[in-house]
Amino acid sequence: MNTCYHCTPRTQTFIGLFLMAFMLATRFHHFGDALHLPDASWAIFFLAGLYLSPPWIGALMLQAVAIDVAAVGWMGVPGYCLTTAYGALLLAYGVLWQGGRWLRVHGVLGLAGLPTLAVTVIVSALAAFALSNGAFYWLGGRVTEPNLPQFLQTWVDYAPAYLGVMALYVGLAALVHEALAISTRRMRRA
């Protein structure tokens, strides 16, 4: 995957604003439903690490927190997930960002890069899930008697959905990226 090493500030701004708009459009529904797309936040942080300069992570984190506060405070969304462990979610976003940064350095253009992309997405998502889910379960105060078997069951119940949604969005982004790269190469030849 050929990343945006040479992106102009204008291109970075376009990508950054698109990712922010996409987060605003999807953040309210973790896994989606018939009327709403699933939350793209995990993929957005990963893609931001891949394409954007470091200041964007702060803007995206501020936006994520602002959306959560607005959803719970003004839109009536239940605040069940907002606990003392919420800060670990921001750490999880940092892990996803770092996964994208790692891929930015080690990624390969085209089909040859798909295995590296897939492994990086899986490792990043599982590490982020371990942080966010582990902190919520063990430190969030919502589980009255935490225990290892029940915690492991949360992995079975929720990790595949988080990984699947992230993989779907990153896969779509990779397709768009490749389509644009092919189009650019054709235009240069013409």
N, C-alpha and C. Protein backbone atom coordinates (compact mmCIF):
# COMPACT_ATOMS: atom_id res chain seq x y z
N MET A 1 0.86 -1.18 0.00
CA MET A 1 0.00 0.00 0.00
C MET A 1 0.90 1.23 0.00
N ASN A 2 0.80 2.01 -1.01
CA ASN A 2 1.60 3.23 -1.11
C ASN A 2 0.87 4.33 -0.34
N THR A 3 1.49 4.81 0.72
CA THR A 3 0.80 5.77 1.57
C THR A 3 1.12 7.19 1.17
N CYS A 4 0.65 8.09 1.94
CA CYS A 4 0.69 9.51 1.62
C CYS A 4 1.99 10.17 2.09
N TYR A 5 3.14 9.58 1.79
CA TYR A 5 4.39 10.19 2.20
C TYR A 5 4.54 11.59 1.61
N HIS A 6 4.06 11.76 0.40
CA HIS A 6 4.26 13.01 -0.31
C HIS A 6 2.96 13.81 -0.41
N CYS A 7 2.01 13.51 0.46
CA CYS A 7 0.74 14.25 0.43
C CYS A 7 1.00 15.73 0.70
N THR A 8 0.33 16.52 -0.06
CA THR A 8 0.40 17.96 0.18
C THR A 8 -0.42 18.28 1.42
N PRO A 9 -0.18 19.43 2.03
CA PRO A 9 -1.03 19.84 3.15
C PRO A 9 -2.52 19.87 2.76
N ARG A 10 -2.78 20.24 1.53
CA ARG A 10 -4.17 20.28 1.05
C ARG A 10 -4.78 18.88 1.03
N THR A 11 -4.03 17.89 0.56
CA THR A 11 -4.52 16.52 0.53
C THR A 11 -4.72 15.99 1.94
N GLN A 12 -3.76 16.28 2.83
CA GLN A 12 -3.91 15.85 4.22
C GLN A 12 -5.14 16.49 4.85
N THR A 13 -5.38 17.76 4.57
CA THR A 13 -6.55 18.43 5.11
C THR A 13 -7.82 17.78 4.59
N PHE A 14 -7.86 17.46 3.31
CA PHE A 14 -9.03 16.80 2.73
C PHE A 14 -9.27 15.45 3.41
N ILE A 15 -8.22 14.64 3.53
CA ILE A 15 -8.36 13.32 4.16
C ILE A 15 -8.78 13.48 5.63
N GLY A 16 -8.14 14.39 6.34
CA GLY A 16 -8.46 14.61 7.75
C GLY A 16 -9.89 15.05 7.96
N LEU A 17 -10.35 15.99 7.16
CA LEU A 17 -11.73 16.46 7.29
C LEU A 17 -12.73 15.38 6.89
N PHE A 18 -12.38 14.59 5.88
CA PHE A 18 -13.25 13.47 5.50
C PHE A 18 -13.36 12.48 6.66
N LEU A 19 -12.23 12.14 7.27
CA LEU A 19 -12.27 11.19 8.39
C LEU A 19 -13.07 11.76 9.56
N MET A 20 -12.93 13.05 9.82
CA MET A 20 -13.70 13.67 10.90
C MET A 20 -15.20 13.64 10.59
N ALA A 21 -15.57 13.92 9.36
CA ALA A 21 -16.98 13.88 8.97
C ALA A 21 -17.52 12.45 9.07
N PHE A 22 -16.70 11.49 8.68
CA PHE A 22 -17.13 10.10 8.74
C PHE A 22 -17.31 9.65 10.19
N MET A 23 -16.43 10.13 11.08
CA MET A 23 -16.60 9.80 12.50
C MET A 23 -17.90 10.41 13.02
N LEU A 24 -18.17 11.64 12.66
CA LEU A 24 -19.40 12.29 13.10
C LEU A 24 -20.63 11.53 12.60
N ALA A 25 -20.54 11.00 11.39
CA ALA A 25 -21.68 10.29 10.81
C ALA A 25 -21.89 8.90 11.40
N THR A 26 -20.85 8.29 11.95
CA THR A 26 -20.97 6.88 12.35
C THR A 26 -20.79 6.60 13.83
N ARG A 27 -20.31 7.52 14.61
CA ARG A 27 -19.90 7.22 15.98
C ARG A 27 -21.03 6.82 16.92
N PHE A 28 -22.24 7.11 16.60
CA PHE A 28 -23.35 6.89 17.53
C PHE A 28 -23.83 5.44 17.59
N HIS A 29 -23.38 4.57 16.69
CA HIS A 29 -23.88 3.19 16.65
C HIS A 29 -22.71 2.23 16.51
N HIS A 30 -22.36 1.54 17.60
CA HIS A 30 -21.18 0.68 17.59
C HIS A 30 -21.18 -0.30 16.42
N PHE A 31 -22.23 -1.09 16.28
CA PHE A 31 -22.23 -2.14 15.27
C PHE A 31 -23.23 -1.87 14.15
N GLY A 32 -23.89 -0.73 14.19
CA GLY A 32 -24.82 -0.35 13.14
C GLY A 32 -26.15 -1.07 13.26
N ASP A 33 -27.06 -0.67 12.40
CA ASP A 33 -28.36 -1.33 12.29
C ASP A 33 -28.88 -1.02 10.90
N ALA A 34 -30.16 -1.28 10.68
CA ALA A 34 -30.72 -1.11 9.34
C ALA A 34 -30.65 0.34 8.85
N LEU A 35 -30.58 1.29 9.76
CA LEU A 35 -30.59 2.70 9.36
C LEU A 35 -29.25 3.41 9.56
N HIS A 36 -28.29 2.77 10.23
CA HIS A 36 -27.05 3.46 10.59
C HIS A 36 -25.83 2.60 10.28
N LEU A 37 -24.81 3.26 9.78
CA LEU A 37 -23.53 2.58 9.57
C LEU A 37 -22.89 2.29 10.93
N PRO A 38 -22.10 1.21 11.01
CA PRO A 38 -21.39 0.95 12.27
C PRO A 38 -20.31 2.01 12.52
N ASP A 39 -19.96 2.16 13.77
CA ASP A 39 -18.95 3.12 14.20
C ASP A 39 -17.63 2.86 13.49
N ALA A 40 -17.13 3.86 12.80
CA ALA A 40 -15.89 3.74 12.05
C ALA A 40 -14.68 4.25 12.82
N SER A 41 -14.84 4.60 14.10
CA SER A 41 -13.76 5.25 14.85
C SER A 41 -12.46 4.47 14.84
N TRP A 42 -12.52 3.15 15.02
CA TRP A 42 -11.28 2.39 15.07
C TRP A 42 -10.56 2.45 13.73
N ALA A 43 -11.28 2.28 12.66
CA ALA A 43 -10.67 2.38 11.33
C ALA A 43 -10.16 3.79 11.07
N ILE A 44 -10.89 4.78 11.54
CA ILE A 44 -10.49 6.17 11.32
C ILE A 44 -9.15 6.46 11.99
N PHE A 45 -8.98 6.01 13.22
CA PHE A 45 -7.69 6.25 13.89
C PHE A 45 -6.57 5.49 13.20
N PHE A 46 -6.84 4.28 12.74
CA PHE A 46 -5.83 3.51 12.01
C PHE A 46 -5.47 4.22 10.70
N LEU A 47 -6.47 4.63 9.95
CA LEU A 47 -6.22 5.31 8.67
C LEU A 47 -5.56 6.67 8.88
N ALA A 48 -5.90 7.35 9.96
CA ALA A 48 -5.24 8.63 10.26
C ALA A 48 -3.76 8.41 10.51
N GLY A 49 -3.41 7.34 11.21
CA GLY A 49 -2.01 7.02 11.41
C GLY A 49 -1.30 6.73 10.10
N LEU A 50 -2.02 6.13 9.18
CA LEU A 50 -1.45 5.78 7.88
C LEU A 50 -1.26 7.01 6.99
N TYR A 51 -2.22 7.91 7.00
CA TYR A 51 -2.21 9.00 6.03
C TYR A 51 -1.88 10.39 6.56
N LEU A 52 -2.08 10.63 7.85
CA LEU A 52 -2.04 12.01 8.33
C LEU A 52 -0.85 12.27 9.24
N SER A 53 -0.48 13.53 9.35
CA SER A 53 0.60 13.95 10.23
C SER A 53 0.11 13.87 11.69
N PRO A 54 1.05 13.78 12.64
CA PRO A 54 0.69 13.57 14.06
C PRO A 54 -0.31 14.54 14.68
N PRO A 55 -0.35 15.83 14.33
CA PRO A 55 -1.34 16.69 15.00
C PRO A 55 -2.80 16.24 14.82
N TRP A 56 -3.06 15.47 13.79
CA TRP A 56 -4.43 15.04 13.55
C TRP A 56 -4.95 14.11 14.64
N ILE A 57 -4.08 13.32 15.28
CA ILE A 57 -4.59 12.40 16.29
C ILE A 57 -5.24 13.16 17.44
N GLY A 58 -4.65 14.28 17.83
CA GLY A 58 -5.24 15.09 18.90
C GLY A 58 -6.61 15.62 18.50
N ALA A 59 -6.72 16.10 17.28
CA ALA A 59 -8.01 16.63 16.80
C ALA A 59 -9.06 15.53 16.77
N LEU A 60 -8.67 14.35 16.31
CA LEU A 60 -9.61 13.23 16.25
C LEU A 60 -10.02 12.76 17.64
N MET A 61 -9.08 12.74 18.59
CA MET A 61 -9.42 12.34 19.95
C MET A 61 -10.37 13.35 20.60
N LEU A 62 -10.09 14.63 20.40
CA LEU A 62 -10.99 15.66 20.92
C LEU A 62 -12.39 15.52 20.32
N GLN A 63 -12.44 15.25 19.04
CA GLN A 63 -13.73 15.08 18.39
C GLN A 63 -14.47 13.87 18.96
N ALA A 64 -13.77 12.75 19.14
CA ALA A 64 -14.41 11.54 19.68
C ALA A 64 -15.00 11.81 21.06
N VAL A 65 -14.24 12.47 21.92
CA VAL A 65 -14.72 12.79 23.27
C VAL A 65 -15.91 13.75 23.18
N ALA A 66 -15.81 14.77 22.33
CA ALA A 66 -16.91 15.74 22.19
C ALA A 66 -18.19 15.05 21.71
N ILE A 67 -18.07 14.13 20.77
CA ILE A 67 -19.25 13.41 20.29
C ILE A 67 -19.85 12.58 21.42
N ASP A 68 -19.00 11.90 22.19
CA ASP A 68 -19.51 11.08 23.30
C ASP A 68 -20.22 11.94 24.34
N VAL A 69 -19.61 13.06 24.69
CA VAL A 69 -20.21 13.96 25.68
C VAL A 69 -21.54 14.50 25.15
N ALA A 70 -21.60 14.91 23.90
CA ALA A 70 -22.84 15.41 23.31
C ALA A 70 -23.90 14.32 23.24
N ALA A 71 -23.49 13.12 22.88
CA ALA A 71 -24.45 12.02 22.76
C ALA A 71 -25.09 11.70 24.11
N VAL A 72 -24.28 11.65 25.16
CA VAL A 72 -24.79 11.31 26.48
C VAL A 72 -25.47 12.51 27.13
N GLY A 73 -24.87 13.67 27.00
CA GLY A 73 -25.38 14.85 27.69
C GLY A 73 -26.60 15.49 27.05
N TRP A 74 -26.69 15.46 25.72
CA TRP A 74 -27.76 16.20 25.06
C TRP A 74 -28.66 15.37 24.15
N MET A 75 -28.19 14.18 23.78
CA MET A 75 -28.97 13.40 22.81
C MET A 75 -29.63 12.18 23.43
N GLY A 76 -29.46 11.99 24.73
CA GLY A 76 -30.14 10.91 25.41
C GLY A 76 -29.54 9.52 25.21
N VAL A 77 -28.33 9.44 24.68
CA VAL A 77 -27.68 8.14 24.53
C VAL A 77 -27.26 7.68 25.93
N PRO A 78 -27.55 6.43 26.29
CA PRO A 78 -27.16 5.95 27.62
C PRO A 78 -25.64 6.06 27.83
N GLY A 79 -25.24 6.46 29.01
CA GLY A 79 -23.83 6.65 29.33
C GLY A 79 -23.18 5.44 29.96
N TYR A 80 -23.70 4.26 29.68
CA TYR A 80 -23.19 3.03 30.31
C TYR A 80 -21.69 2.85 30.12
N CYS A 81 -21.19 3.16 28.96
CA CYS A 81 -19.77 2.94 28.66
C CYS A 81 -18.86 4.05 29.17
N LEU A 82 -19.43 5.15 29.60
CA LEU A 82 -18.61 6.24 30.12
C LEU A 82 -18.33 5.98 31.60
N THR A 83 -17.16 5.43 31.86
CA THR A 83 -16.76 5.08 33.22
C THR A 83 -15.40 5.69 33.51
N THR A 84 -14.87 5.37 34.68
CA THR A 84 -13.52 5.83 35.03
C THR A 84 -12.47 5.23 34.11
N ALA A 85 -12.83 4.19 33.38
CA ALA A 85 -11.89 3.53 32.47
C ALA A 85 -11.91 4.16 31.07
N TYR A 86 -12.67 5.22 30.86
CA TYR A 86 -12.81 5.84 29.54
C TYR A 86 -11.46 6.25 28.95
N GLY A 87 -10.54 6.67 29.79
CA GLY A 87 -9.22 7.08 29.30
C GLY A 87 -8.49 5.98 28.55
N ALA A 88 -8.76 4.73 28.89
CA ALA A 88 -8.12 3.62 28.18
C ALA A 88 -8.58 3.55 26.74
N LEU A 89 -9.77 4.06 26.47
CA LEU A 89 -10.24 4.10 25.08
C LEU A 89 -9.34 5.01 24.25
N LEU A 90 -8.93 6.11 24.84
CA LEU A 90 -8.01 7.02 24.14
C LEU A 90 -6.65 6.35 23.93
N LEU A 91 -6.21 5.55 24.89
CA LEU A 91 -4.98 4.77 24.69
C LEU A 91 -5.16 3.77 23.55
N ALA A 92 -6.34 3.15 23.48
CA ALA A 92 -6.62 2.21 22.40
C ALA A 92 -6.57 2.92 21.05
N TYR A 93 -7.09 4.14 20.99
CA TYR A 93 -7.02 4.90 19.74
C TYR A 93 -5.56 5.19 19.37
N GLY A 94 -4.73 5.44 20.39
CA GLY A 94 -3.30 5.63 20.14
C GLY A 94 -2.65 4.38 19.57
N VAL A 95 -3.06 3.22 20.04
CA VAL A 95 -2.54 1.96 19.50
C VAL A 95 -2.95 1.81 18.03
N LEU A 96 -4.19 2.13 17.72
CA LEU A 96 -4.64 2.05 16.33
C LEU A 96 -3.87 3.03 15.45
N TRP A 97 -3.66 4.23 15.95
CA TRP A 97 -2.86 5.23 15.24
C TRP A 97 -1.45 4.68 14.96
N GLN A 98 -0.84 4.10 15.98
CA GLN A 98 0.51 3.54 15.82
C GLN A 98 0.53 2.40 14.81
N GLY A 99 -0.55 1.60 14.78
CA GLY A 99 -0.64 0.55 13.76
C GLY A 99 -0.61 1.15 12.37
N GLY A 100 -1.35 2.23 12.17
CA GLY A 100 -1.32 2.91 10.88
C GLY A 100 0.03 3.51 10.58
N ARG A 101 0.68 4.08 11.60
CA ARG A 101 2.03 4.65 11.40
C ARG A 101 3.03 3.56 11.03
N TRP A 102 2.91 2.41 11.69
CA TRP A 102 3.81 1.30 11.38
C TRP A 102 3.61 0.87 9.93
N LEU A 103 2.36 0.75 9.51
CA LEU A 103 2.08 0.35 8.14
C LEU A 103 2.57 1.40 7.15
N ARG A 104 2.52 2.65 7.54
CA ARG A 104 2.99 3.73 6.67
C ARG A 104 4.46 3.50 6.30
N VAL A 105 5.24 3.02 7.26
CA VAL A 105 6.66 2.79 7.03
C VAL A 105 6.90 1.45 6.31
N HIS A 106 6.13 0.43 6.68
CA HIS A 106 6.40 -0.93 6.21
C HIS A 106 5.45 -1.42 5.13
N GLY A 107 4.49 -0.59 4.72
CA GLY A 107 3.50 -1.01 3.74
C GLY A 107 4.08 -1.16 2.35
N VAL A 108 3.39 -1.96 1.53
CA VAL A 108 3.82 -2.23 0.17
C VAL A 108 2.63 -1.95 -0.75
N LEU A 109 2.91 -1.43 -1.92
CA LEU A 109 1.87 -1.09 -2.88
C LEU A 109 1.21 -2.34 -3.46
N GLY A 110 -0.10 -2.32 -3.62
CA GLY A 110 -0.83 -3.33 -4.38
C GLY A 110 -1.12 -4.61 -3.63
N LEU A 111 -1.40 -5.66 -4.40
CA LEU A 111 -1.78 -6.95 -3.83
C LEU A 111 -0.70 -7.55 -2.95
N ALA A 112 0.55 -7.28 -3.25
CA ALA A 112 1.65 -7.82 -2.44
C ALA A 112 1.60 -7.31 -1.01
N GLY A 113 0.99 -6.16 -0.79
CA GLY A 113 0.90 -5.58 0.55
C GLY A 113 -0.30 -6.02 1.36
N LEU A 114 -1.23 -6.77 0.76
CA LEU A 114 -2.44 -7.15 1.48
C LEU A 114 -2.18 -8.00 2.72
N PRO A 115 -1.25 -8.97 2.68
CA PRO A 115 -1.00 -9.72 3.92
C PRO A 115 -0.49 -8.83 5.06
N THR A 116 0.40 -7.90 4.74
CA THR A 116 0.91 -6.99 5.77
C THR A 116 -0.21 -6.10 6.30
N LEU A 117 -1.05 -5.61 5.41
CA LEU A 117 -2.20 -4.81 5.83
C LEU A 117 -3.11 -5.61 6.74
N ALA A 118 -3.44 -6.83 6.34
CA ALA A 118 -4.35 -7.67 7.14
C ALA A 118 -3.79 -7.96 8.52
N VAL A 119 -2.52 -8.34 8.60
CA VAL A 119 -1.91 -8.65 9.90
C VAL A 119 -1.85 -7.39 10.77
N THR A 120 -1.51 -6.26 10.17
CA THR A 120 -1.42 -5.02 10.94
C THR A 120 -2.79 -4.62 11.48
N VAL A 121 -3.83 -4.75 10.68
CA VAL A 121 -5.19 -4.44 11.14
C VAL A 121 -5.58 -5.37 12.29
N ILE A 122 -5.32 -6.66 12.14
CA ILE A 122 -5.69 -7.63 13.18
C ILE A 122 -4.95 -7.35 14.48
N VAL A 123 -3.64 -7.19 14.41
CA VAL A 123 -2.84 -6.95 15.61
C VAL A 123 -3.26 -5.63 16.28
N SER A 124 -3.43 -4.58 15.48
CA SER A 124 -3.83 -3.29 16.04
C SER A 124 -5.20 -3.36 16.69
N ALA A 125 -6.15 -3.99 16.02
CA ALA A 125 -7.51 -4.08 16.57
C ALA A 125 -7.53 -4.92 17.85
N LEU A 126 -6.81 -6.04 17.88
CA LEU A 126 -6.82 -6.87 19.08
C LEU A 126 -6.13 -6.17 20.25
N ALA A 127 -5.05 -5.44 19.97
CA ALA A 127 -4.38 -4.69 21.04
C ALA A 127 -5.30 -3.58 21.56
N ALA A 128 -5.98 -2.88 20.65
CA ALA A 128 -6.90 -1.82 21.06
C ALA A 128 -8.07 -2.42 21.86
N PHE A 129 -8.56 -3.56 21.42
CA PHE A 129 -9.66 -4.21 22.14
C PHE A 129 -9.21 -4.64 23.53
N ALA A 130 -7.99 -5.17 23.62
CA ALA A 130 -7.48 -5.58 24.94
C ALA A 130 -7.44 -4.40 25.90
N LEU A 131 -7.00 -3.25 25.41
CA LEU A 131 -6.94 -2.05 26.25
C LEU A 131 -8.33 -1.54 26.63
N SER A 132 -9.16 -1.33 25.64
CA SER A 132 -10.46 -0.71 25.93
C SER A 132 -11.39 -1.67 26.66
N ASN A 133 -11.49 -2.90 26.20
CA ASN A 133 -12.37 -3.86 26.84
C ASN A 133 -11.85 -4.27 28.21
N GLY A 134 -10.54 -4.48 28.30
CA GLY A 134 -9.96 -4.86 29.59
C GLY A 134 -10.15 -3.79 30.64
N ALA A 135 -9.91 -2.54 30.27
CA ALA A 135 -10.09 -1.44 31.23
C ALA A 135 -11.56 -1.31 31.63
N PHE A 136 -12.45 -1.39 30.65
CA PHE A 136 -13.87 -1.29 30.97
C PHE A 136 -14.30 -2.42 31.91
N TYR A 137 -13.89 -3.64 31.58
CA TYR A 137 -14.32 -4.79 32.37
C TYR A 137 -13.73 -4.77 33.78
N TRP A 138 -12.41 -4.58 33.88
CA TRP A 138 -11.74 -4.71 35.17
C TRP A 138 -11.76 -3.43 36.00
N LEU A 139 -11.78 -2.26 35.34
CA LEU A 139 -11.64 -0.99 36.07
C LEU A 139 -12.87 -0.08 35.99
N GLY A 140 -13.80 -0.40 35.12
CA GLY A 140 -14.93 0.50 34.86
C GLY A 140 -16.01 0.52 35.91
N GLY A 141 -16.03 -0.46 36.82
CA GLY A 141 -17.02 -0.46 37.88
C GLY A 141 -18.41 -0.93 37.46
N ARG A 142 -18.59 -1.39 36.25
CA ARG A 142 -19.91 -1.85 35.79
C ARG A 142 -20.13 -3.34 36.09
N VAL A 143 -19.05 -4.10 36.20
CA VAL A 143 -19.15 -5.53 36.47
C VAL A 143 -18.95 -5.73 37.97
N THR A 144 -19.97 -6.27 38.64
CA THR A 144 -19.93 -6.36 40.10
C THR A 144 -18.94 -7.41 40.60
N GLU A 145 -18.83 -8.52 39.91
CA GLU A 145 -17.88 -9.57 40.32
C GLU A 145 -17.07 -10.03 39.11
N PRO A 146 -16.07 -9.26 38.73
CA PRO A 146 -15.28 -9.64 37.56
C PRO A 146 -14.54 -10.95 37.78
N ASN A 147 -14.49 -11.74 36.72
CA ASN A 147 -13.75 -13.00 36.77
C ASN A 147 -13.25 -13.32 35.37
N LEU A 148 -12.22 -14.13 35.30
CA LEU A 148 -11.55 -14.41 34.03
C LEU A 148 -12.46 -15.10 33.02
N PRO A 149 -13.23 -16.14 33.38
CA PRO A 149 -14.09 -16.76 32.36
C PRO A 149 -15.10 -15.78 31.75
N GLN A 150 -15.69 -14.94 32.58
CA GLN A 150 -16.64 -13.96 32.06
C GLN A 150 -15.93 -12.94 31.18
N PHE A 151 -14.74 -12.52 31.59
CA PHE A 151 -13.96 -11.59 30.78
C PHE A 151 -13.62 -12.20 29.42
N LEU A 152 -13.19 -13.45 29.41
CA LEU A 152 -12.88 -14.12 28.15
C LEU A 152 -14.11 -14.23 27.26
N GLN A 153 -15.27 -14.38 27.88
CA GLN A 153 -16.51 -14.43 27.10
C GLN A 153 -16.79 -13.10 26.41
N THR A 154 -16.37 -11.99 27.02
CA THR A 154 -16.56 -10.70 26.36
C THR A 154 -15.74 -10.63 25.08
N TRP A 155 -14.60 -11.31 25.06
CA TRP A 155 -13.79 -11.38 23.84
C TRP A 155 -14.55 -12.13 22.76
N VAL A 156 -15.14 -13.25 23.13
CA VAL A 156 -15.90 -14.05 22.16
C VAL A 156 -17.11 -13.25 21.66
N ASP A 157 -17.76 -12.53 22.57
CA ASP A 157 -18.97 -11.81 22.22
C ASP A 157 -18.73 -10.55 21.39
N TYR A 158 -17.65 -9.82 21.67
CA TYR A 158 -17.49 -8.49 21.08
C TYR A 158 -16.27 -8.31 20.17
N ALA A 159 -15.17 -8.98 20.42
CA ALA A 159 -13.96 -8.75 19.62
C ALA A 159 -14.17 -9.00 18.13
N PRO A 160 -14.86 -10.08 17.73
CA PRO A 160 -15.06 -10.29 16.28
C PRO A 160 -15.80 -9.13 15.61
N ALA A 161 -16.78 -8.55 16.28
CA ALA A 161 -17.53 -7.44 15.68
C ALA A 161 -16.64 -6.21 15.52
N TYR A 162 -15.87 -5.88 16.56
CA TYR A 162 -14.97 -4.73 16.46
C TYR A 162 -13.94 -4.94 15.34
N LEU A 163 -13.35 -6.13 15.30
CA LEU A 163 -12.36 -6.44 14.27
C LEU A 163 -13.01 -6.43 12.88
N GLY A 164 -14.20 -7.01 12.78
CA GLY A 164 -14.88 -7.07 11.48
C GLY A 164 -15.23 -5.70 10.94
N VAL A 165 -15.76 -4.84 11.78
CA VAL A 165 -16.12 -3.48 11.34
C VAL A 165 -14.87 -2.73 10.91
N MET A 166 -13.82 -2.83 11.71
CA MET A 166 -12.57 -2.13 11.35
C MET A 166 -12.02 -2.67 10.04
N ALA A 167 -12.00 -3.99 9.89
CA ALA A 167 -11.47 -4.59 8.66
C ALA A 167 -12.29 -4.18 7.44
N LEU A 168 -13.60 -4.09 7.60
CA LEU A 168 -14.46 -3.67 6.50
C LEU A 168 -14.11 -2.26 6.05
N TYR A 169 -14.04 -1.34 6.98
CA TYR A 169 -13.74 0.05 6.62
C TYR A 169 -12.32 0.21 6.07
N VAL A 170 -11.35 -0.44 6.68
CA VAL A 170 -9.97 -0.34 6.18
C VAL A 170 -9.87 -0.99 4.81
N GLY A 171 -10.57 -2.11 4.62
CA GLY A 171 -10.59 -2.76 3.30
C GLY A 171 -11.18 -1.85 2.24
N LEU A 172 -12.28 -1.18 2.56
CA LEU A 172 -12.87 -0.23 1.61
C LEU A 172 -11.91 0.92 1.31
N ALA A 173 -11.24 1.40 2.35
CA ALA A 173 -10.26 2.48 2.15
C ALA A 173 -9.12 2.01 1.25
N ALA A 174 -8.68 0.77 1.42
CA ALA A 174 -7.61 0.22 0.58
C ALA A 174 -8.06 0.13 -0.88
N LEU A 175 -9.32 -0.26 -1.10
CA LEU A 175 -9.84 -0.32 -2.47
C LEU A 175 -9.89 1.07 -3.10
N VAL A 176 -10.37 2.05 -2.35
CA VAL A 176 -10.41 3.43 -2.85
C VAL A 176 -9.00 3.92 -3.14
N HIS A 177 -8.08 3.63 -2.23
CA HIS A 177 -6.69 4.05 -2.40
C HIS A 177 -6.12 3.47 -3.70
N GLU A 178 -6.32 2.19 -3.90
CA GLU A 178 -5.77 1.54 -5.10
C GLU A 178 -6.44 2.07 -6.37
N ALA A 179 -7.75 2.31 -6.32
CA ALA A 179 -8.44 2.86 -7.49
C ALA A 179 -7.89 4.24 -7.84
N LEU A 180 -7.65 5.06 -6.83
CA LEU A 180 -7.07 6.38 -7.08
C LEU A 180 -5.64 6.28 -7.60
N ALA A 181 -4.87 5.33 -7.06
CA ALA A 181 -3.49 5.14 -7.53
C ALA A 181 -3.47 4.70 -8.99
N ILE A 182 -4.34 3.79 -9.36
CA ILE A 182 -4.42 3.32 -10.76
C ILE A 182 -4.84 4.47 -11.67
N SER A 183 -5.83 5.22 -11.24
CA SER A 183 -6.30 6.36 -12.02
C SER A 183 -5.19 7.40 -12.22
N THR A 184 -4.44 7.66 -11.16
CA THR A 184 -3.34 8.63 -11.24
C THR A 184 -2.27 8.14 -12.21
N ARG A 185 -1.92 6.86 -12.13
CA ARG A 185 -0.91 6.31 -13.05
C ARG A 185 -1.38 6.42 -14.50
N ARG A 186 -2.63 6.14 -14.75
CA ARG A 186 -3.18 6.22 -16.13
C ARG A 186 -3.15 7.66 -16.64
N MET A 187 -3.49 8.60 -15.76
CA MET A 187 -3.48 10.01 -16.18
C MET A 187 -2.07 10.48 -16.50
N ARG A 188 -1.07 9.98 -15.75
CA ARG A 188 0.32 10.38 -16.00
C ARG A 188 0.83 9.82 -17.33
N ARG A 189 0.34 8.64 -17.70
CA ARG A 189 0.76 8.03 -18.96
C ARG A 189 0.14 8.71 -20.16
N ALA A 190 -1.05 9.27 -19.96
CA ALA A 190 -1.80 9.85 -21.10
C ALA A 190 -1.22 11.16 -21.56
